[in-house]
Amino acid sequence: RPITQSQEDMYHWALDRFITEARTLAKFDHPNIVRVMAEFEDNNAAYMVMRYEEGETLEHIFKTQGILSQAELLNIVLPIIDGLKIVHQTGFIHRDIKPANIFIRGDGSPVLIDFGSARQSIGAQTQTLTTLISPGYSPIEQYYTRGEDQGPWTDIYGLASTIYRGVAGKRPVDTMTRSKQILADQPDPYIPAAKVGQGRYTSTFLQAVDQGLEFRHQQRPQHLSVWERQLLREPGDQPTIGADEVTVPAGGIADVTAPTQLLHEDTEIRPRSEDMPVQQAIGTRRIWVWPVVALAAMLIVMLLMAVVVKQSKSRSVPSAAT
């Protein structure tokens, strides 16, 4: 039981929130997301009952097999992305995606387990979220408790880190180490997947992994559907900008001080054909600006000269009469 009144209020708030969220999670029914079967209160605590799954964790597979092929990694991640889309649409994020929380069933199908850390954050009022850290798999925003900084991009980081583990044979450097280097104006110690997996995976696949592991959450894909397209893009395919890739405040949780970037600054983006008329119209408008300004200036000068001439004539008449 809480000791003080302030702790008592926080306790009841957290208890009610846990029960409410557990009931929402129980509505999800997807083959690749563990099913929440029930929730209940007992012993001054709340509990969530999840379906029992048989198999082995992806963490165990990584330890025994080492790296996996691109096809194997996609067969694991894509079904989980499909299930997480439903979770994100209702305003929840998992917040603890890592190989240890991905079960591979006997038939090879994956299932994302352990939703005990899931929290509602998208579109909800800003609340302090419990700090939950899995070194190497947790993005920088999870080292702080500001809920508005966490969203779908937080789960994307966990998924990208999981793929990185299967590509490099080890988890990526943790974000606290990265932050210390970046804040000290030192190079980011993160070794890109594009480097460690070069020659064994497609370049676009590795670029998508690196995109999901961007240090700043504004520079990661903001929606799973965006990142999914990046993962599946074939080398040579021209990137397309979907409706869900428009620059918007991150996830609608709170205003973002910096613009949301859905593609890395170094990514080459060629304009689509349908965008060209707009760009040409803008260019044409700029071409006509200076002639208009010049013409206006000439008219003003002519008007001033006319005034001067008129004044000089009016002064010359009296002097002639004298």
C-alpha atoms as a PDB file:
ATOM      1  CA  ARG A   1       0.000   0.000   0.000  1.00  0.00           C
ATOM      2  CA  PRO A   2       1.193   3.580  -0.652  1.00  0.00           C
ATOM      3  CA  ILE A   3       2.733   5.322   2.354  1.00  0.00           C
ATOM      4  CA  THR A   4       1.770   8.967   1.677  1.00  0.00           C
ATOM      5  CA  GLN A   5      -1.341  10.651   0.285  1.00  0.00           C
ATOM      6  CA  SER A   6       0.494  11.767  -2.857  1.00  0.00           C
ATOM      7  CA  GLN A   7       1.598   8.204  -3.455  1.00  0.00           C
ATOM      8  CA  GLU A   8      -1.959   7.051  -2.778  1.00  0.00           C
ATOM      9  CA  ASP A   9      -3.295   9.302  -5.539  1.00  0.00           C
ATOM     10  CA  MET A  10      -0.618   8.134  -7.970  1.00  0.00           C
ATOM     11  CA  TYR A  11      -1.285   4.510  -7.045  1.00  0.00           C
ATOM     12  CA  HIS A  12      -5.001   4.741  -7.807  1.00  0.00           C
ATOM     13  CA  TRP A  13      -4.326   6.638 -11.026  1.00  0.00           C
ATOM     14  CA  ALA A  14      -1.844   3.987 -12.201  1.00  0.00           C
ATOM     15  CA  LEU A  15      -4.139   1.136 -11.129  1.00  0.00           C
ATOM     16  CA  ASP A  16      -7.133   2.551 -12.993  1.00  0.00           C
ATOM     17  CA  ARG A  17      -5.025   3.253 -16.043  1.00  0.00           C
ATOM     18  CA  PHE A  18      -3.564  -0.257 -16.078  1.00  0.00           C
ATOM     19  CA  ILE A  19      -7.030  -1.822 -15.919  1.00  0.00           C
ATOM     20  CA  THR A  20      -8.385   0.472 -18.636  1.00  0.00           C
ATOM     21  CA  GLU A  21      -5.461  -0.232 -20.939  1.00  0.00           C
ATOM     22  CA  ALA A  22      -5.608  -3.983 -20.285  1.00  0.00           C
ATOM     23  CA  ARG A  23      -9.263  -4.007 -21.315  1.00  0.00           C
ATOM     24  CA  THR A  24      -8.381  -2.179 -24.521  1.00  0.00           C
ATOM     25  CA  LEU A  25      -5.514  -4.567 -25.291  1.00  0.00           C
ATOM     26  CA  ALA A  26      -7.874  -7.486 -24.758  1.00  0.00           C
ATOM     27  CA  LYS A  27      -9.814  -6.352 -27.822  1.00  0.00           C
ATOM     28  CA  PHE A  28      -6.869  -7.026 -30.132  1.00  0.00           C
ATOM     29  CA  ASP A  29      -7.105 -10.326 -31.977  1.00  0.00           C
ATOM     30  CA  HIS A  30      -4.226 -10.803 -34.391  1.00  0.00           C
ATOM     31  CA  PRO A  31      -2.238 -14.026 -34.966  1.00  0.00           C
ATOM     32  CA  ASN A  32       1.104 -12.251 -34.508  1.00  0.00           C
ATOM     33  CA  ILE A  33       0.218 -10.255 -31.385  1.00  0.00           C
ATOM     34  CA  VAL A  34      -0.134 -12.126 -28.098  1.00  0.00           C
ATOM     35  CA  ARG A  35      -3.760 -12.197 -26.967  1.00  0.00           C
ATOM     36  CA  VAL A  36      -4.700 -10.575 -23.657  1.00  0.00           C
ATOM     37  CA  MET A  37      -7.237 -12.986 -22.210  1.00  0.00           C
ATOM     38  CA  ALA A  38      -8.299 -11.210 -19.038  1.00  0.00           C
ATOM     39  CA  GLU A  39      -7.516  -8.583 -16.409  1.00  0.00           C
ATOM     40  CA  PHE A  40      -8.348  -8.474 -12.724  1.00  0.00           C
ATOM     41  CA  GLU A  41      -7.509  -6.843  -9.403  1.00  0.00           C
ATOM     42  CA  ASP A  42      -6.299  -8.677  -6.304  1.00  0.00           C
ATOM     43  CA  ASN A  43      -3.946  -8.049  -3.369  1.00  0.00           C
ATOM     44  CA  ASN A  44      -4.144  -4.298  -4.017  1.00  0.00           C
ATOM     45  CA  ALA A  45      -2.656  -4.839  -7.464  1.00  0.00           C
ATOM     46  CA  ALA A  46      -3.805  -5.302 -11.057  1.00  0.00           C
ATOM     47  CA  TYR A  47      -2.967  -8.238 -13.304  1.00  0.00           C
ATOM     48  CA  MET A  48      -3.067  -8.981 -17.015  1.00  0.00           C
ATOM     49  CA  VAL A  49      -3.465 -12.566 -18.254  1.00  0.00           C
ATOM     50  CA  MET A  50      -2.014 -13.304 -21.685  1.00  0.00           C
ATOM     51  CA  ARG A  51      -2.316 -16.358 -23.883  1.00  0.00           C
ATOM     52  CA  TYR A  52       0.377 -18.975 -23.352  1.00  0.00           C
ATOM     53  CA  GLU A  53       2.589 -19.391 -26.410  1.00  0.00           C
ATOM     54  CA  GLU A  54       4.946 -22.269 -27.140  1.00  0.00           C
ATOM     55  CA  GLY A  55       8.151 -21.868 -29.044  1.00  0.00           C
ATOM     56  CA  GLU A  56      11.507 -20.202 -28.589  1.00  0.00           C
ATOM     57  CA  THR A  57      12.488 -16.575 -28.417  1.00  0.00           C
ATOM     58  CA  LEU A  58      14.196 -14.838 -31.292  1.00  0.00           C
ATOM     59  CA  GLU A  59      16.958 -14.010 -28.822  1.00  0.00           C
ATOM     60  CA  HIS A  60      17.648 -17.735 -28.416  1.00  0.00           C
ATOM     61  CA  ILE A  61      17.670 -18.222 -32.183  1.00  0.00           C
ATOM     62  CA  PHE A  62      20.148 -15.383 -32.606  1.00  0.00           C
ATOM     63  CA  LYS A  63      22.424 -16.929 -29.987  1.00  0.00           C
ATOM     64  CA  THR A  64      22.362 -20.359 -31.634  1.00  0.00           C
ATOM     65  CA  GLN A  65      22.290 -19.397 -35.308  1.00  0.00           C
ATOM     66  CA  GLY A  66      23.961 -16.015 -35.366  1.00  0.00           C
ATOM     67  CA  ILE A  67      22.869 -13.852 -38.267  1.00  0.00           C
ATOM     68  CA  LEU A  68      19.791 -14.528 -40.397  1.00  0.00           C
ATOM     69  CA  SER A  69      19.111 -13.928 -44.067  1.00  0.00           C
ATOM     70  CA  GLN A  70      17.055 -10.997 -45.326  1.00  0.00           C
ATOM     71  CA  ALA A  71      14.156 -13.303 -46.206  1.00  0.00           C
ATOM     72  CA  GLU A  72      14.197 -14.854 -42.720  1.00  0.00           C
ATOM     73  CA  LEU A  73      14.254 -11.469 -41.020  1.00  0.00           C
ATOM     74  CA  LEU A  74      11.407 -10.144 -43.158  1.00  0.00           C
ATOM     75  CA  ASN A  75       9.344 -13.265 -42.467  1.00  0.00           C
ATOM     76  CA  ILE A  76       9.650 -12.445 -38.773  1.00  0.00           C
ATOM     77  CA  VAL A  77       9.240  -8.675 -38.815  1.00  0.00           C
ATOM     78  CA  LEU A  78       6.542  -8.132 -41.453  1.00  0.00           C
ATOM     79  CA  PRO A  79       3.791 -10.135 -39.683  1.00  0.00           C
ATOM     80  CA  ILE A  80       4.570  -8.298 -36.445  1.00  0.00           C
ATOM     81  CA  ILE A  81       4.362  -4.959 -38.272  1.00  0.00           C
ATOM     82  CA  ASP A  82       0.959  -6.019 -39.571  1.00  0.00           C
ATOM     83  CA  GLY A  83      -0.253  -6.696 -36.036  1.00  0.00           C
ATOM     84  CA  LEU A  84       1.325  -3.570 -34.545  1.00  0.00           C
ATOM     85  CA  LYS A  85      -0.499  -1.379 -37.049  1.00  0.00           C
ATOM     86  CA  ILE A  86      -3.744  -2.329 -35.314  1.00  0.00           C
ATOM     87  CA  VAL A  87      -2.235  -1.583 -31.913  1.00  0.00           C
ATOM     88  CA  HIS A  88      -0.960   1.829 -33.048  1.00  0.00           C
ATOM     89  CA  GLN A  89      -4.286   2.743 -34.640  1.00  0.00           C
ATOM     90  CA  THR A  90      -5.932   2.530 -31.226  1.00  0.00           C
ATOM     91  CA  GLY A  91      -3.300   4.769 -29.649  1.00  0.00           C
ATOM     92  CA  PHE A  92      -1.045   2.191 -27.986  1.00  0.00           C
ATOM     93  CA  ILE A  93       2.657   1.483 -28.320  1.00  0.00           C
ATOM     94  CA  HIS A  94       4.491  -1.634 -27.121  1.00  0.00           C
ATOM     95  CA  ARG A  95       7.680   0.133 -25.862  1.00  0.00           C
ATOM     96  CA  ASP A  96       9.700  -3.022 -25.280  1.00  0.00           C
ATOM     97  CA  ILE A  97      10.292  -4.634 -28.665  1.00  0.00           C
ATOM     98  CA  LYS A  98      13.417  -6.775 -28.646  1.00  0.00           C
ATOM     99  CA  PRO A  99      14.409 -10.342 -29.642  1.00  0.00           C
ATOM    100  CA  ALA A 100      13.536 -11.656 -26.169  1.00  0.00           C
ATOM    101  CA  ASN A 101       9.942 -10.495 -26.634  1.00  0.00           C
ATOM    102  CA  ILE A 102       9.445 -12.118 -30.031  1.00  0.00           C
ATOM    103  CA  PHE A 103       8.431 -15.761 -29.897  1.00  0.00           C
ATOM    104  CA  ILE A 104       8.855 -18.074 -32.875  1.00  0.00           C
ATOM    105  CA  ARG A 105       6.220 -20.807 -32.778  1.00  0.00           C
ATOM    106  CA  GLY A 106       6.771 -24.370 -33.902  1.00  0.00           C
ATOM    107  CA  ASP A 107       5.306 -23.582 -37.329  1.00  0.00           C
ATOM    108  CA  GLY A 108       7.752 -20.694 -37.764  1.00  0.00           C
ATOM    109  CA  SER A 109       5.222 -17.916 -37.278  1.00  0.00           C
ATOM    110  CA  PRO A 110       6.287 -15.031 -35.014  1.00  0.00           C
ATOM    111  CA  VAL A 111       4.304 -13.528 -32.163  1.00  0.00           C
ATOM    112  CA  LEU A 112       5.067 -10.363 -30.233  1.00  0.00           C
ATOM    113  CA  ILE A 113       4.653 -10.993 -26.518  1.00  0.00           C
ATOM    114  CA  ASP A 114       4.856  -9.081 -23.217  1.00  0.00           C
ATOM    115  CA  PHE A 115       2.470  -6.156 -23.563  1.00  0.00           C
ATOM    116  CA  GLY A 116       2.905  -5.381 -19.881  1.00  0.00           C
ATOM    117  CA  SER A 117       4.881  -2.278 -20.823  1.00  0.00           C
ATOM    118  CA  ALA A 118       2.406  -1.066 -23.440  1.00  0.00           C
ATOM    119  CA  ARG A 119       1.068   2.404 -22.859  1.00  0.00           C
ATOM    120  CA  GLN A 120      -1.485   4.628 -24.498  1.00  0.00           C
ATOM    121  CA  SER A 121       0.186   7.754 -25.766  1.00  0.00           C
ATOM    122  CA  ILE A 122      -0.987   8.660 -29.229  1.00  0.00           C
ATOM    123  CA  GLY A 123      -3.563  11.392 -29.076  1.00  0.00           C
ATOM    124  CA  ALA A 124      -3.925  11.106 -25.311  1.00  0.00           C
ATOM    125  CA  GLN A 125      -3.214  13.863 -22.848  1.00  0.00           C
ATOM    126  CA  THR A 126       0.449  14.145 -22.025  1.00  0.00           C
ATOM    127  CA  GLN A 127       1.245  11.916 -19.074  1.00  0.00           C
ATOM    128  CA  THR A 128       4.454  10.813 -17.446  1.00  0.00           C
ATOM    129  CA  LEU A 129       5.306   7.323 -18.643  1.00  0.00           C
ATOM    130  CA  THR A 130       7.313   4.855 -16.631  1.00  0.00           C
ATOM    131  CA  THR A 131      10.905   4.669 -17.753  1.00  0.00           C
ATOM    132  CA  LEU A 132      11.595   1.329 -19.387  1.00  0.00           C
ATOM    133  CA  ILE A 133      15.001   0.560 -20.838  1.00  0.00           C
ATOM    134  CA  SER A 134      16.426  -2.345 -22.819  1.00  0.00           C
ATOM    135  CA  PRO A 135      19.987  -1.276 -23.735  1.00  0.00           C
ATOM    136  CA  GLY A 136      20.563  -1.456 -27.464  1.00  0.00           C
ATOM    137  CA  TYR A 137      16.861  -1.685 -28.235  1.00  0.00           C
ATOM    138  CA  SER A 138      15.426   1.406 -26.509  1.00  0.00           C
ATOM    139  CA  PRO A 139      15.525   4.775 -28.300  1.00  0.00           C
ATOM    140  CA  ILE A 140      16.669   7.928 -26.576  1.00  0.00           C
ATOM    141  CA  GLU A 141      13.128   9.144 -25.816  1.00  0.00           C
ATOM    142  CA  GLN A 142      12.593   6.167 -23.507  1.00  0.00           C
ATOM    143  CA  TYR A 143      15.400   7.337 -21.236  1.00  0.00           C
ATOM    144  CA  TYR A 144      13.137  10.211 -20.287  1.00  0.00           C
ATOM    145  CA  THR A 145       9.578  10.162 -19.012  1.00  0.00           C
ATOM    146  CA  ARG A 146       7.948  12.725 -21.312  1.00  0.00           C
ATOM    147  CA  GLY A 147       5.152  10.759 -22.938  1.00  0.00           C
ATOM    148  CA  GLU A 148       4.675  13.113 -25.880  1.00  0.00           C
ATOM    149  CA  ASP A 149       8.058  12.087 -27.316  1.00  0.00           C
ATOM    150  CA  GLN A 150       7.032   8.436 -27.551  1.00  0.00           C
ATOM    151  CA  GLY A 151       4.947   7.058 -30.382  1.00  0.00           C
ATOM    152  CA  PRO A 152       5.030   4.583 -33.306  1.00  0.00           C
ATOM    153  CA  TRP A 153       8.598   5.709 -34.041  1.00  0.00           C
ATOM    154  CA  THR A 154       9.569   4.292 -30.632  1.00  0.00           C
ATOM    155  CA  ASP A 155       8.412   0.808 -31.648  1.00  0.00           C
ATOM    156  CA  ILE A 156      10.060   1.242 -35.049  1.00  0.00           C
ATOM    157  CA  TYR A 157      13.384   1.769 -33.277  1.00  0.00           C
ATOM    158  CA  GLY A 158      12.901  -1.508 -31.364  1.00  0.00           C
ATOM    159  CA  LEU A 159      12.062  -3.408 -34.552  1.00  0.00           C
ATOM    160  CA  ALA A 160      14.998  -1.890 -36.429  1.00  0.00           C
ATOM    161  CA  SER A 161      17.329  -2.787 -33.552  1.00  0.00           C
ATOM    162  CA  THR A 162      16.034  -6.357 -33.666  1.00  0.00           C
ATOM    163  CA  ILE A 163      16.770  -6.610 -37.387  1.00  0.00           C
ATOM    164  CA  TYR A 164      20.204  -5.064 -36.792  1.00  0.00           C
ATOM    165  CA  ARG A 165      20.931  -7.835 -34.281  1.00  0.00           C
ATOM    166  CA  GLY A 166      20.187 -10.400 -36.991  1.00  0.00           C
ATOM    167  CA  VAL A 167      22.338  -8.568 -39.545  1.00  0.00           C
ATOM    168  CA  ALA A 168      25.392  -7.677 -37.448  1.00  0.00           C
ATOM    169  CA  GLY A 169      25.339 -10.551 -34.971  1.00  0.00           C
ATOM    170  CA  LYS A 170      25.181  -8.074 -32.089  1.00  0.00           C
ATOM    171  CA  ARG A 171      22.811  -5.390 -30.887  1.00  0.00           C
ATOM    172  CA  PRO A 172      23.438  -1.765 -31.898  1.00  0.00           C
ATOM    173  CA  VAL A 173      25.246   0.590 -29.540  1.00  0.00           C
ATOM    174  CA  ASP A 174      22.872   1.900 -26.869  1.00  0.00           C
ATOM    175  CA  THR A 175      21.457   5.376 -27.307  1.00  0.00           C
ATOM    176  CA  MET A 176      22.917   6.797 -24.099  1.00  0.00           C
ATOM    177  CA  THR A 177      26.405   6.124 -25.459  1.00  0.00           C
ATOM    178  CA  ARG A 178      25.342   7.724 -28.719  1.00  0.00           C
ATOM    179  CA  SER A 179      23.935  10.767 -26.929  1.00  0.00           C
ATOM    180  CA  LYS A 180      27.147  11.366 -24.973  1.00  0.00           C
ATOM    181  CA  GLN A 181      29.181  11.372 -28.175  1.00  0.00           C
ATOM    182  CA  ILE A 182      26.722  13.508 -30.110  1.00  0.00           C
ATOM    183  CA  LEU A 183      26.369  16.079 -27.313  1.00  0.00           C
ATOM    184  CA  ALA A 184      30.172  16.265 -27.086  1.00  0.00           C
ATOM    185  CA  ASP A 185      30.310  17.094 -30.802  1.00  0.00           C
ATOM    186  CA  GLN A 186      31.894  13.722 -31.494  1.00  0.00           C
ATOM    187  CA  PRO A 187      30.969  11.318 -34.319  1.00  0.00           C
ATOM    188  CA  ASP A 188      27.980   9.047 -33.681  1.00  0.00           C
ATOM    189  CA  PRO A 189      29.471   5.683 -32.592  1.00  0.00           C
ATOM    190  CA  TYR A 190      26.615   3.811 -34.291  1.00  0.00           C
ATOM    191  CA  ILE A 191      27.953   1.594 -37.073  1.00  0.00           C
ATOM    192  CA  PRO A 192      25.377   1.698 -39.886  1.00  0.00           C
ATOM    193  CA  ALA A 193      23.697  -1.491 -41.019  1.00  0.00           C
ATOM    194  CA  ALA A 194      24.577  -0.400 -44.550  1.00  0.00           C
ATOM    195  CA  LYS A 195      28.206  -0.982 -43.586  1.00  0.00           C
ATOM    196  CA  VAL A 196      28.051  -4.134 -41.471  1.00  0.00           C
ATOM    197  CA  GLY A 197      25.630  -5.891 -43.834  1.00  0.00           C
ATOM    198  CA  GLN A 198      27.070  -4.702 -47.145  1.00  0.00           C
ATOM    199  CA  GLY A 199      27.060  -7.404 -49.799  1.00  0.00           C
ATOM    200  CA  ARG A 200      24.823  -9.774 -47.821  1.00  0.00           C
ATOM    201  CA  TYR A 201      21.576  -7.786 -47.937  1.00  0.00           C
ATOM    202  CA  THR A 202      20.026  -5.366 -50.400  1.00  0.00           C
ATOM    203  CA  SER A 203      21.106  -1.758 -49.995  1.00  0.00           C
ATOM    204  CA  THR A 204      17.516  -0.535 -49.640  1.00  0.00           C
ATOM    205  CA  PHE A 205      16.816  -3.031 -46.858  1.00  0.00           C
ATOM    206  CA  LEU A 206      19.893  -1.887 -44.920  1.00  0.00           C
ATOM    207  CA  GLN A 207      19.026   1.782 -45.504  1.00  0.00           C
ATOM    208  CA  ALA A 208      15.569   1.143 -44.019  1.00  0.00           C
ATOM    209  CA  VAL A 209      17.159  -0.408 -40.931  1.00  0.00           C
ATOM    210  CA  ASP A 210      19.404   2.632 -40.512  1.00  0.00           C
ATOM    211  CA  GLN A 211      16.397   4.904 -41.027  1.00  0.00           C
ATOM    212  CA  GLY A 212      14.569   3.161 -38.188  1.00  0.00           C
ATOM    213  CA  LEU A 213      17.608   3.603 -35.957  1.00  0.00           C
ATOM    214  CA  GLU A 214      17.955   7.354 -36.408  1.00  0.00           C
ATOM    215  CA  PHE A 215      18.956   8.916 -33.095  1.00  0.00           C
ATOM    216  CA  ARG A 216      16.374  11.719 -33.183  1.00  0.00           C
ATOM    217  CA  HIS A 217      12.830  10.437 -33.285  1.00  0.00           C
ATOM    218  CA  GLN A 218      11.754  13.184 -35.703  1.00  0.00           C
ATOM    219  CA  GLN A 219      14.102  11.713 -38.316  1.00  0.00           C
ATOM    220  CA  ARG A 220      12.675   8.202 -38.129  1.00  0.00           C
ATOM    221  CA  PRO A 221       9.638   7.084 -40.118  1.00  0.00           C
ATOM    222  CA  GLN A 222       6.615   8.211 -38.142  1.00  0.00           C
ATOM    223  CA  HIS A 223       4.336   5.352 -39.189  1.00  0.00           C
ATOM    224  CA  LEU A 224       4.840   1.614 -39.610  1.00  0.00           C
ATOM    225  CA  SER A 225       3.374   1.646 -43.113  1.00  0.00           C
ATOM    226  CA  VAL A 226       6.059   4.119 -44.209  1.00  0.00           C
ATOM    227  CA  TRP A 227       8.868   2.023 -42.781  1.00  0.00           C
ATOM    228  CA  GLU A 228       7.367  -1.172 -44.187  1.00  0.00           C
ATOM    229  CA  ARG A 229       7.532   0.271 -47.704  1.00  0.00           C
ATOM    230  CA  GLN A 230      11.156   1.223 -47.130  1.00  0.00           C
ATOM    231  CA  LEU A 231      12.004  -2.311 -46.009  1.00  0.00           C
ATOM    232  CA  LEU A 232      10.393  -3.835 -49.114  1.00  0.00           C
ATOM    233  CA  ARG A 233      11.725  -1.358 -51.661  1.00  0.00           C
ATOM    234  CA  GLU A 234      13.915  -2.969 -54.279  1.00  0.00           C
ATOM    235  CA  PRO A 235      17.238  -1.400 -55.292  1.00  0.00           C
ATOM    236  CA  GLY A 236      16.662   0.911 -58.210  1.00  0.00           C
ATOM    237  CA  ASP A 237      13.048   1.616 -57.316  1.00  0.00           C
ATOM    238  CA  GLN A 238      12.253   5.304 -57.096  1.00  0.00           C
ATOM    239  CA  PRO A 239      11.088   6.252 -53.597  1.00  0.00           C
ATOM    240  CA  THR A 240       7.474   7.381 -53.497  1.00  0.00           C
ATOM    241  CA  ILE A 241       5.954   9.763 -50.992  1.00  0.00           C
ATOM    242  CA  GLY A 242       2.742   8.386 -49.535  1.00  0.00           C
ATOM    243  CA  ALA A 243      -0.054  10.276 -47.811  1.00  0.00           C
ATOM    244  CA  ASP A 244       1.288   9.106 -44.457  1.00  0.00           C
ATOM    245  CA  GLU A 245       4.714  10.615 -45.166  1.00  0.00           C
ATOM    246  CA  VAL A 246       3.597  14.232 -45.133  1.00  0.00           C
ATOM    247  CA  THR A 247       5.545  16.425 -42.725  1.00  0.00           C
ATOM    248  CA  VAL A 248       3.378  16.672 -39.619  1.00  0.00           C
ATOM    249  CA  PRO A 249       3.938  16.957 -35.865  1.00  0.00           C
ATOM    250  CA  ALA A 250       5.119  13.587 -34.603  1.00  0.00           C
ATOM    251  CA  GLY A 251       2.131  11.323 -34.165  1.00  0.00           C
ATOM    252  CA  GLY A 252      -0.129  14.122 -33.036  1.00  0.00           C
ATOM    253  CA  ILE A 253       0.966  13.637 -29.424  1.00  0.00           C
ATOM    254  CA  ALA A 254       2.313  17.137 -28.964  1.00  0.00           C
ATOM    255  CA  ASP A 255       3.833  19.938 -30.976  1.00  0.00           C
ATOM    256  CA  VAL A 256       7.343  19.168 -32.147  1.00  0.00           C
ATOM    257  CA  THR A 257       9.787  22.049 -32.045  1.00  0.00           C
ATOM    258  CA  ALA A 258      11.725  20.812 -35.071  1.00  0.00           C
ATOM    259  CA  PRO A 259      10.067  19.729 -38.341  1.00  0.00           C
ATOM    260  CA  THR A 260       9.408  16.021 -38.599  1.00  0.00           C
ATOM    261  CA  GLN A 261      11.714  14.456 -41.181  1.00  0.00           C
ATOM    262  CA  LEU A 262      10.533  11.157 -42.531  1.00  0.00           C
ATOM    263  CA  LEU A 263      13.554  10.576 -44.707  1.00  0.00           C
ATOM    264  CA  HIS A 264      17.177  11.105 -43.789  1.00  0.00           C
ATOM    265  CA  GLU A 265      18.810  14.324 -44.898  1.00  0.00           C
ATOM    266  CA  ASP A 266      21.325  12.375 -46.983  1.00  0.00           C
ATOM    267  CA  THR A 267      18.657  10.390 -48.811  1.00  0.00           C
ATOM    268  CA  GLU A 268      18.416  11.342 -52.469  1.00  0.00           C
ATOM    269  CA  ILE A 269      14.786  12.007 -53.356  1.00  0.00           C
ATOM    270  CA  ARG A 270      13.915  12.557 -56.993  1.00  0.00           C
ATOM    271  CA  PRO A 271      10.732  14.555 -57.620  1.00  0.00           C
ATOM    272  CA  ARG A 272       7.799  12.629 -58.994  1.00  0.00           C
ATOM    273  CA  SER A 273       6.487  13.616 -62.423  1.00  0.00           C
ATOM    274  CA  GLU A 274       3.234  14.950 -60.960  1.00  0.00           C
ATOM    275  CA  ASP A 275       5.235  17.350 -58.793  1.00  0.00           C
ATOM    276  CA  MET A 276       7.032  19.010 -61.704  1.00  0.00           C
ATOM    277  CA  PRO A 277       4.272  21.433 -62.822  1.00  0.00           C
ATOM    278  CA  VAL A 278       4.117  22.821 -59.295  1.00  0.00           C
ATOM    279  CA  GLN A 279       7.882  23.353 -59.201  1.00  0.00           C
ATOM    280  CA  GLN A 280       7.843  24.999 -62.658  1.00  0.00           C
ATOM    281  CA  ALA A 281       4.994  27.305 -61.628  1.00  0.00           C
ATOM    282  CA  ILE A 282       6.950  28.391 -58.569  1.00  0.00           C
ATOM    283  CA  GLY A 283      10.040  29.019 -60.710  1.00  0.00           C
ATOM    284  CA  THR A 284       7.999  31.071 -63.228  1.00  0.00           C
ATOM    285  CA  ARG A 285       6.557  33.170 -60.439  1.00  0.00           C
ATOM    286  CA  ARG A 286      10.056  33.955 -59.193  1.00  0.00           C
ATOM    287  CA  ILE A 287      11.223  34.956 -62.704  1.00  0.00           C
ATOM    288  CA  TRP A 288       8.473  37.613 -62.976  1.00  0.00           C
ATOM    289  CA  VAL A 289       9.131  39.189 -59.581  1.00  0.00           C
ATOM    290  CA  TRP A 290      12.112  41.322 -60.538  1.00  0.00           C
ATOM    291  CA  PRO A 291      10.667  42.820 -63.796  1.00  0.00           C
ATOM    292  CA  VAL A 292       7.559  43.910 -61.893  1.00  0.00           C
ATOM    293  CA  VAL A 293       9.663  45.518 -59.166  1.00  0.00           C
ATOM    294  CA  ALA A 294      11.823  47.301 -61.764  1.00  0.00           C
ATOM    295  CA  LEU A 295       8.769  48.649 -63.625  1.00  0.00           C
ATOM    296  CA  ALA A 296       7.259  49.952 -60.391  1.00  0.00           C
ATOM    297  CA  ALA A 297      10.532  51.706 -59.533  1.00  0.00           C
ATOM    298  CA  MET A 298      10.646  53.375 -62.963  1.00  0.00           C
ATOM    299  CA  LEU A 299       7.086  54.664 -62.554  1.00  0.00           C
ATOM    300  CA  ILE A 300       7.917  56.144 -59.169  1.00  0.00           C
ATOM    301  CA  VAL A 301      11.013  57.893 -60.595  1.00  0.00           C
ATOM    302  CA  MET A 302       8.982  59.348 -63.487  1.00  0.00           C
ATOM    303  CA  LEU A 303       6.338  60.659 -61.086  1.00  0.00           C
ATOM    304  CA  LEU A 304       9.005  62.305 -58.937  1.00  0.00           C
ATOM    305  CA  MET A 305      10.594  63.951 -62.018  1.00  0.00           C
ATOM    306  CA  ALA A 306       7.195  65.289 -63.113  1.00  0.00           C
ATOM    307  CA  VAL A 307       6.639  66.844 -59.704  1.00  0.00           C
ATOM    308  CA  VAL A 308      10.089  68.481 -59.766  1.00  0.00           C
ATOM    309  CA  VAL A 309       9.510  69.943 -63.253  1.00  0.00           C
ATOM    310  CA  LYS A 310       6.121  71.318 -62.252  1.00  0.00           C
ATOM    311  CA  GLN A 311       7.564  72.969 -59.159  1.00  0.00           C
ATOM    312  CA  SER A 312      10.431  74.547 -61.118  1.00  0.00           C
ATOM    313  CA  LYS A 313       7.988  76.045 -63.670  1.00  0.00           C
ATOM    314  CA  SER A 314       5.792  77.511 -60.937  1.00  0.00           C
ATOM    315  CA  ARG A 315       8.830  79.259 -59.454  1.00  0.00           C
ATOM    316  CA  SER A 316      10.054  80.687 -62.791  1.00  0.00           C
ATOM    317  CA  VAL A 317       6.815  82.633 -63.597  1.00  0.00           C
ATOM    318  CA  PRO A 318       7.050  85.275 -60.779  1.00  0.00           C
ATOM    319  CA  SER A 319      10.759  85.928 -61.435  1.00  0.00           C
ATOM    320  CA  ALA A 320      10.030  86.728 -65.103  1.00  0.00           C
ATOM    321  CA  ALA A 321       7.354  89.266 -64.160  1.00  0.00           C
ATOM    322  CA  THR A 322       9.739  91.146 -61.912  1.00  0.00           C
END
